[in-house]
PDB file of N, CA and C in Angstrom:
ATOM      1  N   UNK A   1      49.840 198.074 275.837  1.00  0.00           N
ATOM      2  CA  UNK A   1      48.505 197.739 275.353  1.00  0.00           C
ATOM      3  C   UNK A   1      47.586 198.945 275.506  1.00  0.00           C
ATOM      4  N   UNK A   2      46.773 199.169 274.523  1.00  0.00           N
ATOM      5  CA  UNK A   2      45.860 200.305 274.520  1.00  0.00           C
ATOM      6  C   UNK A   2      44.601 200.004 275.321  1.00  0.00           C
ATOM      7  N   UNK A   3      43.945 201.086 275.722  1.00  0.00           N
ATOM      8  CA  UNK A   3      42.666 200.974 276.415  1.00  0.00           C
ATOM      9  C   UNK A   3      41.706 201.964 275.766  1.00  0.00           C
ATOM     10  N   UNK A   4      40.507 201.518 275.460  1.00  0.00           N
ATOM     11  CA  UNK A   4      39.481 202.394 274.891  1.00  0.00           C
ATOM     12  C   UNK A   4      38.382 202.564 275.921  1.00  0.00           C
ATOM     13  N   UNK A   5      38.073 203.821 276.199  1.00  0.00           N
ATOM     14  CA  UNK A   5      36.993 204.131 277.138  1.00  0.00           C
ATOM     15  C   UNK A   5      35.884 204.818 276.355  1.00  0.00           C
ATOM     16  N   UNK A   6      34.693 204.272 276.424  1.00  0.00           N
ATOM     17  CA  UNK A   6      33.546 204.834 275.709  1.00  0.00           C
ATOM     18  C   UNK A   6      32.537 205.350 276.713  1.00  0.00           C
ATOM     19  N   UNK A   7      32.199 206.632 276.591  1.00  0.00           N
ATOM     20  CA  UNK A   7      31.172 207.234 277.448  1.00  0.00           C
ATOM     21  C   UNK A   7      29.820 206.889 276.829  1.00  0.00           C
ATOM     22  N   UNK A   8      29.200 205.865 277.365  1.00  0.00           N
ATOM     23  CA  UNK A   8      27.980 205.316 276.767  1.00  0.00           C
ATOM     24  C   UNK A   8      26.855 206.340 276.639  1.00  0.00           C
ATOM     25  N   UNK A   9      26.763 207.267 277.574  1.00  0.00           N
ATOM     26  CA  UNK A   9      25.671 208.253 277.521  1.00  0.00           C
ATOM     27  C   UNK A   9      25.851 209.265 276.392  1.00  0.00           C
ATOM     28  N   UNK A  10      27.067 209.430 275.902  1.00  0.00           N
ATOM     29  CA  UNK A  10      27.306 210.352 274.793  1.00  0.00           C
ATOM     30  C   UNK A  10      27.115 209.680 273.437  1.00  0.00           C
ATOM     31  N   UNK A  11      27.227 208.368 273.390  1.00  0.00           N
ATOM     32  CA  UNK A  11      27.172 207.631 272.131  1.00  0.00           C
ATOM     33  C   UNK A  11      25.751 207.603 271.569  1.00  0.00           C
ATOM     34  N   UNK A  12      25.632 207.945 270.275  1.00  0.00           N
ATOM     35  CA  UNK A  12      24.323 207.884 269.618  1.00  0.00           C
ATOM     36  C   UNK A  12      24.310 206.819 268.516  1.00  0.00           C
ATOM     37  N   UNK A  13      25.291 205.929 268.568  1.00  0.00           N
ATOM     38  CA  UNK A  13      25.371 204.781 267.665  1.00  0.00           C
ATOM     39  C   UNK A  13      25.419 205.167 266.190  1.00  0.00           C
ATOM     40  N   UNK A  14      26.166 206.227 265.874  1.00  0.00           N
ATOM     41  CA  UNK A  14      26.329 206.614 264.467  1.00  0.00           C
ATOM     42  C   UNK A  14      27.222 205.609 263.737  1.00  0.00           C
ATOM     43  N   UNK A  15      28.044 204.901 264.496  1.00  0.00           N
ATOM     44  CA  UNK A  15      28.916 203.833 264.012  1.00  0.00           C
ATOM     45  C   UNK A  15      30.073 204.294 263.141  1.00  0.00           C
ATOM     46  N   UNK A  16      30.383 205.585 263.153  1.00  0.00           N
ATOM     47  CA  UNK A  16      31.558 206.069 262.418  1.00  0.00           C
ATOM     48  C   UNK A  16      32.820 205.400 262.949  1.00  0.00           C
ATOM     49  N   UNK A  17      32.907 205.253 264.257  1.00  0.00           N
ATOM     50  CA  UNK A  17      34.097 204.650 264.863  1.00  0.00           C
ATOM     51  C   UNK A  17      34.292 203.215 264.385  1.00  0.00           C
ATOM     52  N   UNK A  18      33.205 202.504 264.222  1.00  0.00           N
ATOM     53  CA  UNK A  18      33.275 201.117 263.749  1.00  0.00           C
ATOM     54  C   UNK A  18      33.761 201.081 262.301  1.00  0.00           C
ATOM     55  N   UNK A  19      33.211 201.959 261.486  1.00  0.00           N
ATOM     56  CA  UNK A  19      33.562 201.981 260.062  1.00  0.00           C
ATOM     57  C   UNK A  19      35.007 202.399 259.817  1.00  0.00           C
ATOM     58  N   UNK A  20      35.539 203.312 260.645  1.00  0.00           N
ATOM     59  CA  UNK A  20      36.879 203.837 260.412  1.00  0.00           C
ATOM     60  C   UNK A  20      37.980 203.112 261.178  1.00  0.00           C
ATOM     61  N   UNK A  21      37.638 202.195 262.056  1.00  0.00           N
ATOM     62  CA  UNK A  21      38.656 201.444 262.791  1.00  0.00           C
ATOM     63  C   UNK A  21      39.337 200.459 261.841  1.00  0.00           C
ATOM     64  N   UNK A  22      40.660 200.574 261.667  1.00  0.00           N
ATOM     65  CA  UNK A  22      41.349 199.685 260.733  1.00  0.00           C
ATOM     66  C   UNK A  22      41.478 198.242 261.232  1.00  0.00           C
ATOM     67  N   UNK A  23      41.214 198.004 262.494  1.00  0.00           N
ATOM     68  CA  UNK A  23      41.415 196.676 263.072  1.00  0.00           C
ATOM     69  C   UNK A  23      40.138 195.988 263.552  1.00  0.00           C
ATOM     70  N   UNK A  24      38.983 196.605 263.387  1.00  0.00           N
ATOM     71  CA  UNK A  24      37.723 195.983 263.792  1.00  0.00           C
ATOM     72  C   UNK A  24      37.590 195.784 265.289  1.00  0.00           C
ATOM     73  N   UNK A  25      38.020 196.775 266.036  1.00  0.00           N
ATOM     74  CA  UNK A  25      38.032 196.670 267.501  1.00  0.00           C
ATOM     75  C   UNK A  25      36.662 196.922 268.124  1.00  0.00           C
ATOM     76  N   UNK A  26      35.834 197.729 267.472  1.00  0.00           N
ATOM     77  CA  UNK A  26      34.558 198.158 268.062  1.00  0.00           C
ATOM     78  C   UNK A  26      33.349 197.520 267.384  1.00  0.00           C
ATOM     79  N   UNK A  27      32.269 197.430 268.133  1.00  0.00           N
ATOM     80  CA  UNK A  27      30.999 196.918 267.605  1.00  0.00           C
ATOM     81  C   UNK A  27      29.861 197.524 268.419  1.00  0.00           C
ATOM     82  N   UNK A  28      28.662 197.471 267.875  1.00  0.00           N
ATOM     83  CA  UNK A  28      27.490 197.951 268.614  1.00  0.00           C
ATOM     84  C   UNK A  28      27.152 196.900 269.667  1.00  0.00           C
ATOM     85  N   UNK A  29      27.024 197.355 270.907  1.00  0.00           N
ATOM     86  CA  UNK A  29      26.698 196.449 271.999  1.00  0.00           C
ATOM     87  C   UNK A  29      25.212 196.156 272.083  1.00  0.00           C
ATOM     88  N   UNK A  30      24.851 195.381 273.072  1.00  0.00           N
ATOM     89  CA  UNK A  30      23.450 195.006 273.246  1.00  0.00           C
ATOM     90  C   UNK A  30      22.723 195.881 274.258  1.00  0.00           C
ATOM     91  N   UNK A  31      23.465 196.622 275.069  1.00  0.00           N
ATOM     92  CA  UNK A  31      22.835 197.473 276.079  1.00  0.00           C
ATOM     93  C   UNK A  31      22.439 198.809 275.474  1.00  0.00           C
ATOM     94  N   UNK A  32      21.481 199.455 276.094  1.00  0.00           N
ATOM     95  CA  UNK A  32      20.934 200.726 275.612  1.00  0.00           C
ATOM     96  C   UNK A  32      21.189 201.811 276.649  1.00  0.00           C
ATOM     97  N   UNK A  33      21.607 203.006 276.168  1.00  0.00           N
ATOM     98  CA  UNK A  33      21.811 204.118 277.100  1.00  0.00           C
ATOM     99  C   UNK A  33      20.480 204.821 277.395  1.00  0.00           C
ATOM    100  N   UNK A  34      20.510 205.853 278.221  1.00  0.00           N
ATOM    101  CA  UNK A  34      19.272 206.517 278.639  1.00  0.00           C
ATOM    102  C   UNK A  34      18.560 207.247 277.499  1.00  0.00           C
ATOM    103  N   UNK A  35      19.267 207.476 276.390  1.00  0.00           N
ATOM    104  CA  UNK A  35      18.658 208.134 275.229  1.00  0.00           C
ATOM    105  C   UNK A  35      18.050 207.129 274.259  1.00  0.00           C
ATOM    106  N   UNK A  36      18.211 205.839 274.553  1.00  0.00           N
ATOM    107  CA  UNK A  36      17.612 204.802 273.725  1.00  0.00           C
ATOM    108  C   UNK A  36      18.519 204.244 272.641  1.00  0.00           C
ATOM    109  N   UNK A  37      19.805 204.597 272.679  1.00  0.00           N
ATOM    110  CA  UNK A  37      20.742 204.101 271.670  1.00  0.00           C
ATOM    111  C   UNK A  37      21.516 202.890 272.179  1.00  0.00           C
ATOM    112  N   UNK A  38      21.690 201.900 271.315  1.00  0.00           N
ATOM    113  CA  UNK A  38      22.599 200.801 271.616  1.00  0.00           C
ATOM    114  C   UNK A  38      24.000 201.351 271.373  1.00  0.00           C
ATOM    115  N   UNK A  39      24.765 201.497 272.423  1.00  0.00           N
ATOM    116  CA  UNK A  39      26.060 202.154 272.286  1.00  0.00           C
ATOM    117  C   UNK A  39      27.185 201.194 271.890  1.00  0.00           C
ATOM    118  N   UNK A  40      28.253 201.779 271.378  1.00  0.00           N
ATOM    119  CA  UNK A  40      29.407 201.037 270.884  1.00  0.00           C
ATOM    120  C   UNK A  40      30.256 200.554 272.057  1.00  0.00           C
ATOM    121  N   UNK A  41      30.815 199.357 271.893  1.00  0.00           N
ATOM    122  CA  UNK A  41      31.694 198.772 272.909  1.00  0.00           C
ATOM    123  C   UNK A  41      32.914 198.161 272.221  1.00  0.00           C
ATOM    124  N   UNK A  42      34.046 198.109 272.932  1.00  0.00           N
ATOM    125  CA  UNK A  42      35.204 197.406 272.371  1.00  0.00           C
ATOM    126  C   UNK A  42      34.990 195.896 272.453  1.00  0.00           C
ATOM    127  N   UNK A  43      35.254 195.184 271.372  1.00  0.00           N
ATOM    128  CA  UNK A  43      35.055 193.735 271.351  1.00  0.00           C
ATOM    129  C   UNK A  43      36.326 192.959 271.015  1.00  0.00           C
ATOM    130  N   UNK A  44      37.343 193.669 270.551  1.00  0.00           N
ATOM    131  CA  UNK A  44      38.571 193.005 270.123  1.00  0.00           C
ATOM    132  C   UNK A  44      39.778 193.845 270.529  1.00  0.00           C
ATOM    133  N   UNK A  45      39.915 194.100 271.816  1.00  0.00           N
ATOM    134  CA  UNK A  45      40.962 195.000 272.310  1.00  0.00           C
ATOM    135  C   UNK A  45      42.374 194.527 271.976  1.00  0.00           C
ATOM    136  N   UNK A  46      42.590 193.243 271.844  1.00  0.00           N
ATOM    137  CA  UNK A  46      43.924 192.737 271.517  1.00  0.00           C
ATOM    138  C   UNK A  46      44.403 193.230 270.150  1.00  0.00           C
ATOM    139  N   UNK A  47      43.486 193.563 269.273  1.00  0.00           N
ATOM    140  CA  UNK A  47      43.846 194.033 267.938  1.00  0.00           C
ATOM    141  C   UNK A  47      44.095 195.536 267.880  1.00  0.00           C
ATOM    142  N   UNK A  48      43.720 196.266 268.926  1.00  0.00           N
ATOM    143  CA  UNK A  48      43.844 197.731 268.937  1.00  0.00           C
ATOM    144  C   UNK A  48      45.301 198.167 268.835  1.00  0.00           C
ATOM    145  N   UNK A  49      45.569 199.103 267.910  1.00  0.00           N
ATOM    146  CA  UNK A  49      46.917 199.637 267.729  1.00  0.00           C
ATOM    147  C   UNK A  49      47.024 201.074 268.235  1.00  0.00           C
ATOM    148  N   UNK A  50      46.006 201.537 268.937  1.00  0.00           N
ATOM    149  CA  UNK A  50      45.957 202.883 269.526  1.00  0.00           C
ATOM    150  C   UNK A  50      46.183 203.981 268.491  1.00  0.00           C
ATOM    151  N   UNK A  51      45.590 203.819 267.320  1.00  0.00           N
ATOM    152  CA  UNK A  51      45.722 204.835 266.266  1.00  0.00           C
ATOM    153  C   UNK A  51      44.857 206.060 266.560  1.00  0.00           C
ATOM    154  N   UNK A  52      43.887 205.905 267.447  1.00  0.00           N
ATOM    155  CA  UNK A  52      42.976 206.977 267.879  1.00  0.00           C
ATOM    156  C   UNK A  52      42.000 207.434 266.795  1.00  0.00           C
ATOM    157  N   UNK A  53      41.891 206.689 265.726  1.00  0.00           N
ATOM    158  CA  UNK A  53      40.962 207.057 264.664  1.00  0.00           C
ATOM    159  C   UNK A  53      39.529 207.109 265.183  1.00  0.00           C
ATOM    160  N   UNK A  54      39.162 206.177 266.035  1.00  0.00           N
ATOM    161  CA  UNK A  54      37.802 206.151 266.586  1.00  0.00           C
ATOM    162  C   UNK A  54      37.503 207.423 267.377  1.00  0.00           C
ATOM    163  N   UNK A  55      38.453 207.844 268.187  1.00  0.00           N
ATOM    164  CA  UNK A  55      38.257 209.047 269.000  1.00  0.00           C
ATOM    165  C   UNK A  55      38.201 210.299 268.138  1.00  0.00           C
ATOM    166  N   UNK A  56      39.010 210.344 267.101  1.00  0.00           N
ATOM    167  CA  UNK A  56      39.036 211.521 266.219  1.00  0.00           C
ATOM    168  C   UNK A  56      37.760 211.640 265.395  1.00  0.00           C
ATOM    169  N   UNK A  57      37.199 210.521 264.970  1.00  0.00           N
ATOM    170  CA  UNK A  57      36.036 210.538 264.082  1.00  0.00           C
ATOM    171  C   UNK A  57      34.719 210.706 264.844  1.00  0.00           C
ATOM    172  N   UNK A  58      34.705 210.450 266.140  1.00  0.00           N
ATOM    173  CA  UNK A  58      33.467 210.510 266.925  1.00  0.00           C
ATOM    174  C   UNK A  58      32.946 211.945 267.022  1.00  0.00           C
ATOM    175  N   UNK A  59      31.750 212.208 266.478  1.00  0.00           N
ATOM    176  CA  UNK A  59      31.211 213.572 266.498  1.00  0.00           C
ATOM    177  C   UNK A  59      30.748 214.024 267.891  1.00  0.00           C
ATOM    178  N   UNK A  60      30.620 213.095 268.813  1.00  0.00           N
ATOM    179  CA  UNK A  60      30.111 213.432 270.147  1.00  0.00           C
ATOM    180  C   UNK A  60      31.169 213.363 271.238  1.00  0.00           C
ATOM    181  N   UNK A  61      32.408 213.111 270.863  1.00  0.00           N
ATOM    182  CA  UNK A  61      33.483 213.042 271.861  1.00  0.00           C
ATOM    183  C   UNK A  61      33.254 211.952 272.901  1.00  0.00           C
ATOM    184  N   UNK A  62      32.717 210.840 272.463  1.00  0.00           N
ATOM    185  CA  UNK A  62      32.364 209.770 273.386  1.00  0.00           C
ATOM    186  C   UNK A  62      33.504 208.780 273.627  1.00  0.00           C
ATOM    187  N   UNK A  63      34.618 208.922 272.887  1.00  0.00           N
ATOM    188  CA  UNK A  63      35.679 207.911 272.960  1.00  0.00           C
ATOM    189  C   UNK A  63      37.016 208.529 273.383  1.00  0.00           C
ATOM    190  N   UNK A  64      37.674 207.858 274.305  1.00  0.00           N
ATOM    191  CA  UNK A  64      39.038 208.205 274.719  1.00  0.00           C
ATOM    192  C   UNK A  64      39.903 206.973 274.506  1.00  0.00           C
ATOM    193  N   UNK A  65      41.089 207.188 273.967  1.00  0.00           N
ATOM    194  CA  UNK A  65      42.034 206.092 273.768  1.00  0.00           C
ATOM    195  C   UNK A  65      43.266 206.372 274.614  1.00  0.00           C
ATOM    196  N   UNK A  66      43.668 205.402 275.403  1.00  0.00           N
ATOM    197  CA  UNK A  66      44.851 205.506 276.248  1.00  0.00           C
ATOM    198  C   UNK A  66      45.889 204.506 275.778  1.00  0.00           C
ATOM    199  N   UNK A  67      47.106 204.986 275.604  1.00  0.00           N
ATOM    200  CA  UNK A  67      48.190 204.108 275.160  1.00  0.00           C
ATOM    201  C   UNK A  67      48.941 203.537 276.328  1.00  0.00           C
TER     202      UNK A  67
END
């Protein structure tokens, strides 16, 4: 099973990871980081296939995927 780790302080909620995830694993959360952005959180980890598309597309390097 895969694990997605999101560094909330790096996330600026561009939502590229959400748009490019083929399985709909990520969504914008309700909490806000210190920069004022509602950061992305995993919401459907059971569907994750560890393709790493979210980590590759993130312009801020905020996502790590562990297989």
